[in-house]
N, C-alpha and C. Protein backbone atom coordinates (compact mmCIF):
# COMPACT_ATOMS: atom_id res chain seq x y z
N MET A 1 0.86 -1.16 0.00
CA MET A 1 0.00 0.00 0.00
C MET A 1 0.90 1.22 0.00
N PHE A 2 0.52 2.22 -0.79
CA PHE A 2 1.25 3.47 -0.75
C PHE A 2 0.32 4.62 -1.13
N TYR A 3 0.72 5.81 -0.75
CA TYR A 3 -0.05 7.02 -0.98
C TYR A 3 0.72 7.86 -1.98
N ASP A 4 0.04 8.31 -3.03
CA ASP A 4 0.71 9.11 -4.04
C ASP A 4 -0.25 10.15 -4.60
N ASN A 5 0.10 11.39 -4.45
CA ASN A 5 -0.65 12.49 -5.04
C ASN A 5 -2.15 12.44 -4.73
N GLY A 6 -2.48 12.22 -3.47
CA GLY A 6 -3.88 12.21 -3.05
C GLY A 6 -4.61 10.90 -3.24
N HIS A 7 -3.91 9.84 -3.64
CA HIS A 7 -4.54 8.54 -3.88
C HIS A 7 -3.86 7.44 -3.07
N VAL A 8 -4.68 6.56 -2.50
CA VAL A 8 -4.17 5.39 -1.79
C VAL A 8 -4.15 4.24 -2.77
N HIS A 9 -3.00 3.61 -2.96
CA HIS A 9 -2.85 2.50 -3.90
C HIS A 9 -2.68 1.19 -3.13
N ILE A 10 -3.49 0.21 -3.46
CA ILE A 10 -3.43 -1.11 -2.83
C ILE A 10 -2.73 -2.06 -3.81
N GLU A 11 -1.76 -2.79 -3.32
CA GLU A 11 -1.01 -3.70 -4.18
C GLU A 11 -1.45 -5.14 -3.95
N ASP A 12 -1.13 -6.00 -4.90
CA ASP A 12 -1.56 -7.41 -4.86
C ASP A 12 -1.13 -8.14 -3.60
N GLU A 13 0.04 -7.81 -3.05
CA GLU A 13 0.51 -8.54 -1.88
C GLU A 13 -0.09 -8.02 -0.57
N ASP A 14 -0.83 -6.93 -0.61
CA ASP A 14 -1.48 -6.41 0.59
C ASP A 14 -2.66 -7.31 0.99
N GLN A 15 -2.86 -7.45 2.29
CA GLN A 15 -3.95 -8.25 2.83
C GLN A 15 -5.31 -7.70 2.38
N CYS A 16 -5.36 -6.45 2.02
CA CYS A 16 -6.61 -5.80 1.61
C CYS A 16 -7.29 -6.53 0.44
N MET A 17 -6.50 -7.14 -0.42
CA MET A 17 -7.05 -7.78 -1.61
C MET A 17 -8.00 -8.93 -1.28
N THR A 18 -7.87 -9.52 -0.09
CA THR A 18 -8.76 -10.61 0.31
C THR A 18 -9.63 -10.22 1.49
N CYS A 19 -9.83 -8.91 1.69
CA CYS A 19 -10.62 -8.42 2.83
C CYS A 19 -12.03 -8.05 2.40
N GLU A 20 -12.99 -8.44 3.21
CA GLU A 20 -14.40 -8.14 2.95
C GLU A 20 -14.64 -6.62 2.90
N ASN A 21 -13.99 -5.87 3.76
CA ASN A 21 -14.16 -4.41 3.78
C ASN A 21 -13.72 -3.77 2.47
N PHE A 22 -12.62 -4.23 1.92
CA PHE A 22 -12.11 -3.68 0.66
C PHE A 22 -13.01 -4.06 -0.51
N ASN A 23 -13.53 -5.28 -0.51
CA ASN A 23 -14.38 -5.74 -1.60
C ASN A 23 -15.78 -5.17 -1.56
N LYS A 24 -16.18 -4.54 -0.48
CA LYS A 24 -17.49 -3.89 -0.39
C LYS A 24 -17.45 -2.47 -0.91
N GLY A 25 -16.42 -2.11 -1.61
CA GLY A 25 -16.31 -0.75 -2.12
C GLY A 25 -15.55 0.17 -1.18
N VAL A 26 -14.49 -0.33 -0.63
CA VAL A 26 -13.59 0.41 0.23
C VAL A 26 -14.31 0.90 1.50
N ALA A 27 -14.93 -0.03 2.22
CA ALA A 27 -15.57 0.28 3.49
C ALA A 27 -14.57 0.10 4.64
N CYS A 28 -13.31 0.14 4.35
CA CYS A 28 -12.25 -0.11 5.33
C CYS A 28 -11.92 1.17 6.10
N PRO A 29 -11.94 1.11 7.43
CA PRO A 29 -11.59 2.30 8.23
C PRO A 29 -10.16 2.79 7.98
N LEU A 30 -9.22 1.88 7.76
CA LEU A 30 -7.83 2.28 7.51
C LEU A 30 -7.71 3.06 6.19
N ILE A 31 -8.32 2.54 5.13
CA ILE A 31 -8.23 3.21 3.82
C ILE A 31 -8.97 4.54 3.85
N GLN A 32 -10.10 4.58 4.55
CA GLN A 32 -10.84 5.84 4.67
C GLN A 32 -10.00 6.89 5.39
N ALA A 33 -9.33 6.50 6.48
CA ALA A 33 -8.49 7.43 7.23
C ALA A 33 -7.33 7.94 6.38
N LEU A 34 -6.73 7.06 5.60
CA LEU A 34 -5.64 7.46 4.71
C LEU A 34 -6.15 8.41 3.62
N GLY A 35 -7.28 8.06 3.03
CA GLY A 35 -7.85 8.87 1.95
C GLY A 35 -8.27 10.26 2.39
N LEU A 36 -8.76 10.36 3.63
CA LEU A 36 -9.19 11.66 4.16
C LEU A 36 -8.06 12.47 4.79
N GLY A 37 -6.90 11.84 4.91
CA GLY A 37 -5.74 12.54 5.45
C GLY A 37 -5.64 12.53 6.96
N PHE A 38 -6.47 11.74 7.64
CA PHE A 38 -6.38 11.64 9.10
C PHE A 38 -5.14 10.88 9.53
N VAL A 39 -4.67 9.97 8.68
CA VAL A 39 -3.48 9.16 8.93
C VAL A 39 -2.60 9.31 7.70
N SER A 40 -1.31 9.32 7.89
CA SER A 40 -0.42 9.41 6.73
C SER A 40 0.80 8.54 6.97
N PHE A 41 1.47 8.19 5.90
CA PHE A 41 2.74 7.48 6.01
C PHE A 41 3.66 7.94 4.91
N GLU A 42 4.93 7.84 5.15
CA GLU A 42 5.95 8.38 4.24
C GLU A 42 6.38 7.39 3.17
N GLU A 43 6.41 6.11 3.52
CA GLU A 43 6.95 5.12 2.60
C GLU A 43 5.91 4.07 2.26
N HIS A 44 6.33 3.10 1.50
CA HIS A 44 5.51 1.95 1.13
C HIS A 44 5.20 1.13 2.37
N LEU A 45 3.95 0.65 2.51
CA LEU A 45 3.54 -0.15 3.66
C LEU A 45 2.94 -1.45 3.16
N LEU A 46 3.41 -2.57 3.66
CA LEU A 46 2.84 -3.87 3.31
C LEU A 46 1.87 -4.26 4.41
N VAL A 47 0.58 -4.35 4.06
CA VAL A 47 -0.47 -4.65 5.04
C VAL A 47 -0.59 -6.16 5.18
N THR A 48 -0.19 -6.69 6.36
CA THR A 48 -0.22 -8.14 6.57
C THR A 48 -1.00 -8.56 7.80
N SER A 49 -1.21 -7.66 8.75
CA SER A 49 -1.93 -8.04 9.97
C SER A 49 -2.83 -6.89 10.44
N CYS A 50 -3.72 -6.48 9.58
CA CYS A 50 -4.61 -5.36 9.87
C CYS A 50 -5.69 -5.78 10.87
N GLY A 51 -5.98 -4.94 11.83
CA GLY A 51 -7.00 -5.22 12.82
C GLY A 51 -8.42 -5.17 12.29
N PHE A 52 -8.63 -4.59 11.11
CA PHE A 52 -9.96 -4.50 10.50
C PHE A 52 -10.23 -5.63 9.52
N PHE A 53 -9.26 -6.53 9.34
CA PHE A 53 -9.36 -7.59 8.32
C PHE A 53 -10.50 -8.56 8.61
N LYS A 54 -11.32 -8.81 7.58
CA LYS A 54 -12.35 -9.85 7.59
C LYS A 54 -12.19 -10.63 6.30
N LYS A 55 -11.96 -11.91 6.39
CA LYS A 55 -11.69 -12.75 5.22
C LYS A 55 -12.86 -12.71 4.24
N PHE A 56 -12.56 -12.44 2.98
CA PHE A 56 -13.55 -12.44 1.91
C PHE A 56 -13.28 -13.64 1.02
N GLU A 57 -14.27 -14.50 0.88
CA GLU A 57 -14.12 -15.69 0.05
C GLU A 57 -15.10 -15.65 -1.11
N ARG A 58 -14.57 -15.87 -2.28
CA ARG A 58 -15.43 -15.95 -3.46
C ARG A 58 -15.85 -17.40 -3.64
N HIS A 59 -17.10 -17.59 -3.99
CA HIS A 59 -17.63 -18.92 -4.23
C HIS A 59 -18.14 -18.97 -5.66
N LEU A 60 -17.24 -19.35 -6.55
CA LEU A 60 -17.57 -19.40 -7.97
C LEU A 60 -17.68 -20.84 -8.42
N LYS A 61 -18.53 -21.08 -9.40
CA LYS A 61 -18.62 -22.41 -9.98
C LYS A 61 -18.80 -22.27 -11.48
N VAL A 62 -18.34 -23.26 -12.20
CA VAL A 62 -18.47 -23.27 -13.65
C VAL A 62 -19.87 -23.77 -13.99
N VAL A 63 -20.55 -23.04 -14.85
CA VAL A 63 -21.88 -23.46 -15.29
C VAL A 63 -21.84 -23.72 -16.78
N SER A 64 -22.67 -24.65 -17.21
CA SER A 64 -22.71 -24.97 -18.64
C SER A 64 -23.55 -23.93 -19.37
N THR A 65 -23.36 -23.84 -20.66
CA THR A 65 -24.14 -22.90 -21.46
C THR A 65 -25.62 -23.28 -21.45
N LYS A 66 -25.92 -24.56 -21.23
CA LYS A 66 -27.31 -25.00 -21.15
C LYS A 66 -28.00 -24.38 -19.93
N GLU A 67 -27.29 -24.33 -18.80
CA GLU A 67 -27.86 -23.73 -17.59
C GLU A 67 -28.10 -22.22 -17.78
N VAL A 68 -27.19 -21.55 -18.45
CA VAL A 68 -27.32 -20.13 -18.71
C VAL A 68 -28.51 -19.87 -19.62
N ALA A 69 -28.61 -20.63 -20.68
CA ALA A 69 -29.73 -20.48 -21.61
C ALA A 69 -31.07 -20.75 -20.93
N LYS A 70 -31.09 -21.72 -20.05
CA LYS A 70 -32.30 -22.08 -19.33
C LYS A 70 -32.77 -20.93 -18.43
N LYS A 71 -31.84 -20.25 -17.77
CA LYS A 71 -32.18 -19.13 -16.89
C LYS A 71 -32.66 -17.91 -17.67
N GLU A 72 -32.18 -17.75 -18.89
CA GLU A 72 -32.57 -16.59 -19.69
C GLU A 72 -33.98 -16.70 -20.25
N THR A 73 -34.52 -17.91 -20.32
CA THR A 73 -35.87 -18.07 -20.87
C THR A 73 -36.94 -18.04 -19.81
């Protein structure tokens, strides 16, 4: 994670990528505080043990084109 020119950037190795708060449209208190300027940091920060973290799990399954066509009718 890093801050540049008024923007908070989240990187792939940050814990945020698998957090429920981040996937809900940036409902994360840490990112909100950084974005509003209440908290700041000078260098790159790797987020690995955030106190606001809630595991976000995607549950995807492969469906056949027959199932898709069936739902459309």
